[in-house]
């Protein structure tokens, strides 16, 4: 091991300390300004998960349609932001009351958590039951009734269905609700000091706005981290499957120009100008030879000429290979 100080330098340093030219306390306090705290549990580099926000982008496109159809109202959803938390700190950050669903994501290990604040819950309940969608909460916020929780469970099942579609590009999953809760103290999906990765979505139903949060343990996502990093192309994730299907259907119905060449001939410009009715142009092919069929100017088929139902026709005999 290489020595940092030589013997002479060490003796000189000790002499300076003994004679009072160097005060160790001041040197140590001056060095403390350059010391940075490193917390293994809240280190953001540890919980950086690439492309996870792309999954939520896909979920927003699906769920905007699903929730609008269920409520029969215009619904807008946008991302507020993602961040890592200690699980205990995340539970402390939740408003009260809060609707929580503990979710199993098979085949991944562990469970995830979906939360909805009271404003979103009451807005959704009022809209589902035929109201105006206005929460109308007076006084202190109250806890949710069993009927309200039952209605939210149906909404959350739609959420999980859309989330399965969003995850399908990365990992085939089956998501199900284990149980519903209102008290954060009764929820434990990981130990308090473990990391969870959260995503907050703002959901607007006409004039009313509420928040939905997803919390997934880092240990749940870590086994597929490489898939998220290298197995997904962002362009693929951005494709809406419904849009792709509609585009395919429209392309099938698009009209194309099909032409058949009976043959060709070369004539001079003078002969062309002197052509009149009844003149005959000799082509370079016999009438019984195979013809070339072009689609939008590209050679695609070979065919033989004929007549069908009194009309001139061709019979496809083969494909033109590139």
Protein backbone atom coordinates (compact mmCIF):
# COMPACT_ATOMS: atom_id res chain seq x y z
CA UNK A 1 0.00 0.00 0.00
CA UNK A 2 1.38 3.41 -0.97
CA UNK A 3 2.18 5.74 1.97
CA UNK A 4 0.42 9.09 1.90
CA UNK A 5 3.01 10.93 4.02
CA UNK A 6 6.71 10.25 4.38
CA UNK A 7 8.38 9.82 7.77
CA UNK A 8 9.83 13.34 7.65
CA UNK A 9 6.42 14.85 6.77
CA UNK A 10 4.74 13.05 9.68
CA UNK A 11 7.40 14.30 12.14
CA UNK A 12 6.99 17.85 10.80
CA UNK A 13 3.20 17.68 11.17
CA UNK A 14 3.45 16.45 14.77
CA UNK A 15 5.92 19.22 15.60
CA UNK A 16 3.51 21.85 14.23
CA UNK A 17 0.70 20.46 16.38
CA UNK A 18 2.83 20.41 19.54
CA UNK A 19 4.09 23.97 18.98
CA UNK A 20 0.52 25.21 18.31
CA UNK A 21 0.98 26.23 14.68
CA UNK A 22 -1.85 23.81 13.68
CA UNK A 23 -5.12 23.38 15.65
CA UNK A 24 -6.71 19.97 14.85
CA UNK A 25 -10.23 21.09 15.94
CA UNK A 26 -10.32 23.95 13.45
CA UNK A 27 -8.99 21.73 10.67
CA UNK A 28 -11.70 19.13 11.32
CA UNK A 29 -14.52 21.71 11.46
CA UNK A 30 -13.32 23.26 8.20
CA UNK A 31 -13.38 19.84 6.54
CA UNK A 32 -16.97 19.15 7.65
CA UNK A 33 -18.26 21.66 5.10
CA UNK A 34 -17.16 19.31 2.34
CA UNK A 35 -18.84 16.24 3.84
CA UNK A 36 -22.08 15.16 2.13
CA UNK A 37 -24.65 12.85 3.67
CA UNK A 38 -25.35 9.66 1.69
CA UNK A 39 -28.59 7.92 2.62
CA UNK A 40 -28.76 4.38 1.24
CA UNK A 41 -32.55 4.32 1.57
CA UNK A 42 -33.33 7.61 -0.19
CA UNK A 43 -30.62 7.50 -2.83
CA UNK A 44 -32.39 8.47 -6.07
CA UNK A 45 -29.83 6.66 -8.22
CA UNK A 46 -30.85 3.42 -6.56
CA UNK A 47 -34.49 3.77 -7.58
CA UNK A 48 -34.04 5.21 -11.05
CA UNK A 49 -36.19 3.05 -13.32
CA UNK A 50 -35.96 3.85 -17.05
CA UNK A 51 -39.07 4.02 -19.25
CA UNK A 52 -41.50 3.56 -16.35
CA UNK A 53 -43.12 6.89 -17.15
CA UNK A 54 -43.80 5.64 -20.69
CA UNK A 55 -46.00 2.91 -19.21
CA UNK A 56 -48.01 5.58 -17.40
CA UNK A 57 -48.31 7.58 -20.64
CA UNK A 58 -49.87 4.54 -22.26
CA UNK A 59 -52.14 4.00 -19.25
CA UNK A 60 -53.39 7.60 -19.45
CA UNK A 61 -54.46 7.13 -23.07
CA UNK A 62 -56.38 3.96 -22.22
CA UNK A 63 -57.95 5.11 -18.96
CA UNK A 64 -59.07 8.50 -20.29
CA UNK A 65 -61.39 6.67 -22.69
CA UNK A 66 -62.45 4.02 -20.17
CA UNK A 67 -63.30 6.49 -17.40
CA UNK A 68 -65.07 8.89 -19.78
CA UNK A 69 -67.28 6.04 -21.01
CA UNK A 70 -68.11 4.93 -17.46
CA UNK A 71 -68.98 8.43 -16.24
CA UNK A 72 -70.37 9.66 -19.57
CA UNK A 73 -68.44 12.85 -18.97
CA UNK A 74 -65.26 14.39 -20.35
CA UNK A 75 -62.29 13.21 -18.28
CA UNK A 76 -58.75 14.57 -18.52
CA UNK A 77 -55.75 12.83 -16.95
CA UNK A 78 -52.22 14.17 -16.70
CA UNK A 79 -49.03 13.23 -14.90
CA UNK A 80 -48.01 15.36 -11.93
CA UNK A 81 -44.71 13.63 -11.28
CA UNK A 82 -42.85 10.54 -10.11
CA UNK A 83 -40.54 10.26 -7.13
CA UNK A 84 -39.10 7.67 -4.74
CA UNK A 85 -40.21 7.44 -1.12
CA UNK A 86 -39.50 5.36 1.91
CA UNK A 87 -42.74 3.44 2.27
CA UNK A 88 -43.36 4.88 5.74
CA UNK A 89 -42.83 8.44 4.45
CA UNK A 90 -45.21 7.79 1.57
CA UNK A 91 -47.98 6.67 3.95
CA UNK A 92 -47.43 9.81 6.05
CA UNK A 93 -47.81 11.99 2.92
CA UNK A 94 -51.29 10.63 2.13
CA UNK A 95 -54.29 12.87 2.82
CA UNK A 96 -57.06 11.85 5.16
CA UNK A 97 -59.40 10.24 4.35
CA UNK A 98 -57.93 8.27 1.46
CA UNK A 99 -59.19 5.30 -0.55
CA UNK A 100 -56.49 2.65 -0.98
CA UNK A 101 -56.37 -0.58 -2.96
CA UNK A 102 -53.68 -3.18 -2.36
CA UNK A 103 -52.93 -4.74 -5.74
CA UNK A 104 -51.24 -8.00 -6.65
CA UNK A 105 -49.20 -7.92 -9.88
CA UNK A 106 -48.58 -11.46 -11.08
CA UNK A 107 -46.01 -12.85 -11.83
CA UNK A 108 -44.02 -10.08 -10.09
CA UNK A 109 -43.30 -10.41 -6.38
CA UNK A 110 -44.92 -8.30 -3.72
CA UNK A 111 -47.89 -5.96 -4.02
CA UNK A 112 -48.51 -2.41 -5.17
CA UNK A 113 -50.74 0.35 -3.83
CA UNK A 114 -53.22 2.64 -5.59
CA UNK A 115 -54.67 5.60 -3.69
CA UNK A 116 -57.41 8.14 -4.47
CA UNK A 117 -58.03 11.28 -2.44
CA UNK A 118 -61.48 12.13 -1.06
CA UNK A 119 -62.18 14.79 -3.69
CA UNK A 120 -61.69 12.26 -6.49
CA UNK A 121 -63.72 9.57 -4.70
CA UNK A 122 -66.72 11.80 -4.04
CA UNK A 123 -66.59 13.22 -7.58
CA UNK A 124 -66.59 9.74 -9.13
CA UNK A 125 -69.35 8.47 -6.81
CA UNK A 126 -71.59 11.45 -7.56
CA UNK A 127 -71.03 11.06 -11.32
CA UNK A 128 -71.68 7.30 -11.31
CA UNK A 129 -74.92 7.77 -9.38
CA UNK A 130 -76.19 10.33 -11.88
CA UNK A 131 -75.27 13.53 -10.06
CA UNK A 132 -73.50 16.61 -11.33
CA UNK A 133 -70.08 15.31 -10.30
CA UNK A 134 -69.66 17.98 -7.61
CA UNK A 135 -68.31 16.48 -4.36
CA UNK A 136 -70.36 18.79 -2.11
CA UNK A 137 -68.43 18.01 1.10
CA UNK A 138 -69.38 20.30 3.99
CA UNK A 139 -67.44 20.55 7.25
CA UNK A 140 -64.89 17.93 8.25
CA UNK A 141 -64.03 15.24 5.67
CA UNK A 142 -65.86 12.02 6.46
CA UNK A 143 -64.87 8.41 5.95
CA UNK A 144 -66.19 6.50 2.94
CA UNK A 145 -69.22 4.27 3.16
CA UNK A 146 -69.20 0.63 2.10
CA UNK A 147 -71.27 1.53 -0.99
CA UNK A 148 -68.77 4.19 -2.01
CA UNK A 149 -65.89 1.76 -1.57
CA UNK A 150 -67.75 -0.81 -3.65
CA UNK A 151 -68.19 1.71 -6.47
CA UNK A 152 -64.50 2.64 -6.27
CA UNK A 153 -63.58 -1.02 -6.49
CA UNK A 154 -65.34 -1.20 -9.87
CA UNK A 155 -63.48 1.90 -11.06
CA UNK A 156 -60.18 0.42 -9.87
CA UNK A 157 -60.85 -2.81 -11.75
CA UNK A 158 -61.07 -0.71 -14.92
CA UNK A 159 -57.79 0.95 -13.88
CA UNK A 160 -56.09 -2.43 -13.50
CA UNK A 161 -57.41 -3.63 -16.85
CA UNK A 162 -55.94 -0.56 -18.57
CA UNK A 163 -52.70 -0.96 -16.62
CA UNK A 164 -52.37 -4.57 -17.83
CA UNK A 165 -52.59 -3.32 -21.43
CA UNK A 166 -49.93 -0.70 -20.70
CA UNK A 167 -47.57 -3.27 -19.16
CA UNK A 168 -48.10 -5.79 -21.97
CA UNK A 169 -45.24 -4.27 -24.05
CA UNK A 170 -42.82 -4.98 -21.19
CA UNK A 171 -44.20 -7.91 -19.22
CA UNK A 172 -47.45 -9.88 -19.42
CA UNK A 173 -49.18 -9.31 -16.09
CA UNK A 174 -52.40 -10.17 -14.29
CA UNK A 175 -53.45 -7.54 -11.75
CA UNK A 176 -56.07 -8.04 -9.08
CA UNK A 177 -57.28 -6.22 -5.96
CA UNK A 178 -56.38 -7.97 -2.73
CA UNK A 179 -58.38 -5.63 -0.49
CA UNK A 180 -59.58 -2.05 -0.02
CA UNK A 181 -58.52 0.12 2.92
CA UNK A 182 -59.05 3.64 4.29
CA UNK A 183 -56.53 3.63 7.16
CA UNK A 184 -52.86 3.84 6.08
CA UNK A 185 -51.80 2.21 9.36
CA UNK A 186 -53.42 -1.01 8.22
CA UNK A 187 -51.46 -1.13 4.94
CA UNK A 188 -48.10 -2.88 4.76
CA UNK A 189 -46.86 -3.97 1.35
CA UNK A 190 -43.15 -3.66 2.28
CA UNK A 191 -41.22 -2.84 5.47
CA UNK A 192 -41.34 0.90 6.40
CA UNK A 193 -37.76 1.63 5.32
CA UNK A 194 -38.07 0.01 1.88
CA UNK A 195 -38.28 2.14 -1.25
CA UNK A 196 -41.43 2.60 -3.34
CA UNK A 197 -41.62 4.42 -6.67
CA UNK A 198 -44.69 6.63 -6.88
CA UNK A 199 -46.52 8.29 -9.75
CA UNK A 200 -49.16 10.96 -9.12
CA UNK A 201 -51.89 11.53 -11.71
CA UNK A 202 -54.27 14.47 -11.73
CA UNK A 203 -57.77 13.46 -12.85
CA UNK A 204 -60.19 16.18 -13.91
CA UNK A 205 -63.88 15.40 -14.32
CA UNK A 206 -65.29 18.54 -15.95
CA UNK A 207 -64.54 21.23 -13.30
CA UNK A 208 -63.54 18.93 -10.43
CA UNK A 209 -59.98 17.74 -9.88
CA UNK A 210 -58.67 14.85 -7.78
CA UNK A 211 -55.47 12.86 -7.42
CA UNK A 212 -54.65 9.20 -7.96
CA UNK A 213 -51.30 7.77 -6.88
CA UNK A 214 -49.53 4.54 -7.77
CA UNK A 215 -46.87 3.16 -5.43
CA UNK A 216 -44.81 0.18 -6.59
CA UNK A 217 -42.00 -1.25 -4.45
CA UNK A 218 -38.56 -1.05 -5.99
CA UNK A 219 -38.03 -4.72 -5.16
CA UNK A 220 -41.06 -5.56 -7.35
CA UNK A 221 -39.73 -3.76 -10.42
CA UNK A 222 -36.05 -4.61 -9.99
CA UNK A 223 -36.27 -8.11 -11.62
CA UNK A 224 -37.53 -6.56 -14.89
CA UNK A 225 -35.31 -3.49 -14.76
CA UNK A 226 -33.26 -4.69 -17.75
CA UNK A 227 -36.44 -5.23 -19.76
CA UNK A 228 -37.51 -1.68 -19.02
CA UNK A 229 -34.09 -0.40 -20.02
CA UNK A 230 -33.39 -2.36 -23.21
CA UNK A 231 -36.44 -4.43 -24.11
CA UNK A 232 -38.80 -1.63 -25.02
CA UNK A 233 -38.62 0.86 -27.81
CA UNK A 234 -40.28 4.13 -26.91
CA UNK A 235 -41.80 4.40 -30.39
CA UNK A 236 -43.50 1.04 -29.91
CA UNK A 237 -44.93 2.08 -26.56
CA UNK A 238 -46.31 5.26 -28.08
CA UNK A 239 -48.45 3.41 -30.61
CA UNK A 240 -52.14 3.26 -29.79
CA UNK A 241 -53.34 -0.28 -30.73
CA UNK A 242 -56.85 0.98 -31.54
CA UNK A 243 -55.43 3.62 -33.86
CA UNK A 244 -53.25 0.97 -35.55
CA UNK A 245 -56.29 -1.26 -36.13
CA UNK A 246 -58.34 1.58 -37.59
CA UNK A 247 -55.47 2.56 -39.87
CA UNK A 248 -55.16 -1.04 -41.11
CA UNK A 249 -58.89 -1.18 -41.87
CA UNK A 250 -58.75 2.11 -43.77
CA UNK A 251 -55.74 0.95 -45.80
CA UNK A 252 -57.55 -2.23 -46.84
CA UNK A 253 -60.42 -0.12 -48.23
CA UNK A 254 -58.14 2.39 -50.02
CA UNK A 255 -58.62 2.40 -53.84
CA UNK A 256 -55.59 1.52 -56.01
CA UNK A 257 -55.02 1.73 -59.75
CA UNK A 258 -54.59 -1.59 -61.58
CA UNK A 259 -53.38 -1.63 -65.19
CA UNK A 260 -52.63 -4.42 -67.65
CA UNK A 261 -50.10 -3.97 -70.44
CA UNK A 262 -51.07 -5.75 -73.66
CA UNK A 263 -47.73 -4.79 -75.20
CA UNK A 264 -45.83 -1.80 -76.53
CA UNK A 265 -44.55 -0.46 -79.80
CA UNK A 266 -42.16 2.22 -81.00
CA UNK A 267 -43.30 4.64 -83.69
CA UNK A 268 -41.95 7.93 -84.95
CA UNK A 269 -43.54 11.23 -84.02
CA UNK A 270 -44.43 11.71 -87.69
CA UNK A 271 -46.31 8.37 -87.76
CA UNK A 272 -48.10 9.35 -84.54
CA UNK A 273 -49.28 12.63 -86.05
CA UNK A 274 -50.52 10.81 -89.17
CA UNK A 275 -52.57 8.17 -87.33
CA UNK A 276 -56.25 8.01 -88.26
CA UNK A 277 -59.24 5.81 -87.50
CA UNK A 278 -58.76 2.22 -88.73
CA UNK A 279 -54.95 2.25 -88.60
CA UNK A 280 -53.33 -0.78 -86.96
CA UNK A 281 -50.40 -0.65 -84.52
CA UNK A 282 -48.40 -3.86 -84.25
CA UNK A 283 -47.46 -4.65 -80.62
CA UNK A 284 -44.43 -6.64 -79.53
CA UNK A 285 -46.51 -9.44 -77.94
CA UNK A 286 -48.85 -12.08 -79.22
CA UNK A 287 -52.43 -12.02 -78.03
CA UNK A 288 -52.02 -15.32 -76.18
CA UNK A 289 -48.79 -14.43 -74.36
CA UNK A 290 -48.68 -13.64 -70.64
CA UNK A 291 -49.43 -10.06 -69.69
CA UNK A 292 -47.95 -7.91 -66.91
CA UNK A 293 -50.33 -6.53 -64.29
CA UNK A 294 -49.24 -3.35 -62.53
CA UNK A 295 -50.58 -1.97 -59.22
CA UNK A 296 -49.94 1.75 -58.80
CA UNK A 297 -47.23 1.46 -61.48
CA UNK A 298 -45.45 -1.48 -59.79
CA UNK A 299 -45.29 -4.87 -61.52
CA UNK A 300 -47.10 -7.32 -59.22
CA UNK A 301 -48.71 -10.17 -61.25
CA UNK A 302 -48.63 -12.04 -64.54
CA UNK A 303 -51.92 -12.88 -66.26
CA UNK A 304 -53.45 -14.31 -69.42
CA UNK A 305 -56.10 -12.39 -71.43
CA UNK A 306 -59.65 -13.63 -71.97
CA UNK A 307 -63.35 -12.81 -71.88
CA UNK A 308 -65.73 -13.17 -68.92
CA UNK A 309 -69.49 -12.51 -69.08
CA UNK A 310 -69.00 -10.62 -72.33
CA UNK A 311 -66.30 -8.37 -70.86
CA UNK A 312 -62.59 -8.33 -71.51
CA UNK A 313 -60.82 -9.92 -68.54
CA UNK A 314 -57.56 -11.40 -67.31
CA UNK A 315 -56.77 -14.48 -65.24
CA UNK A 316 -53.96 -14.06 -62.68
CA UNK A 317 -51.35 -16.74 -63.32
CA UNK A 318 -48.53 -15.82 -61.00
CA UNK A 319 -46.66 -13.27 -58.87
CA UNK A 320 -43.84 -11.08 -60.09
CA UNK A 321 -40.86 -11.66 -57.77
CA UNK A 322 -38.56 -8.78 -56.91
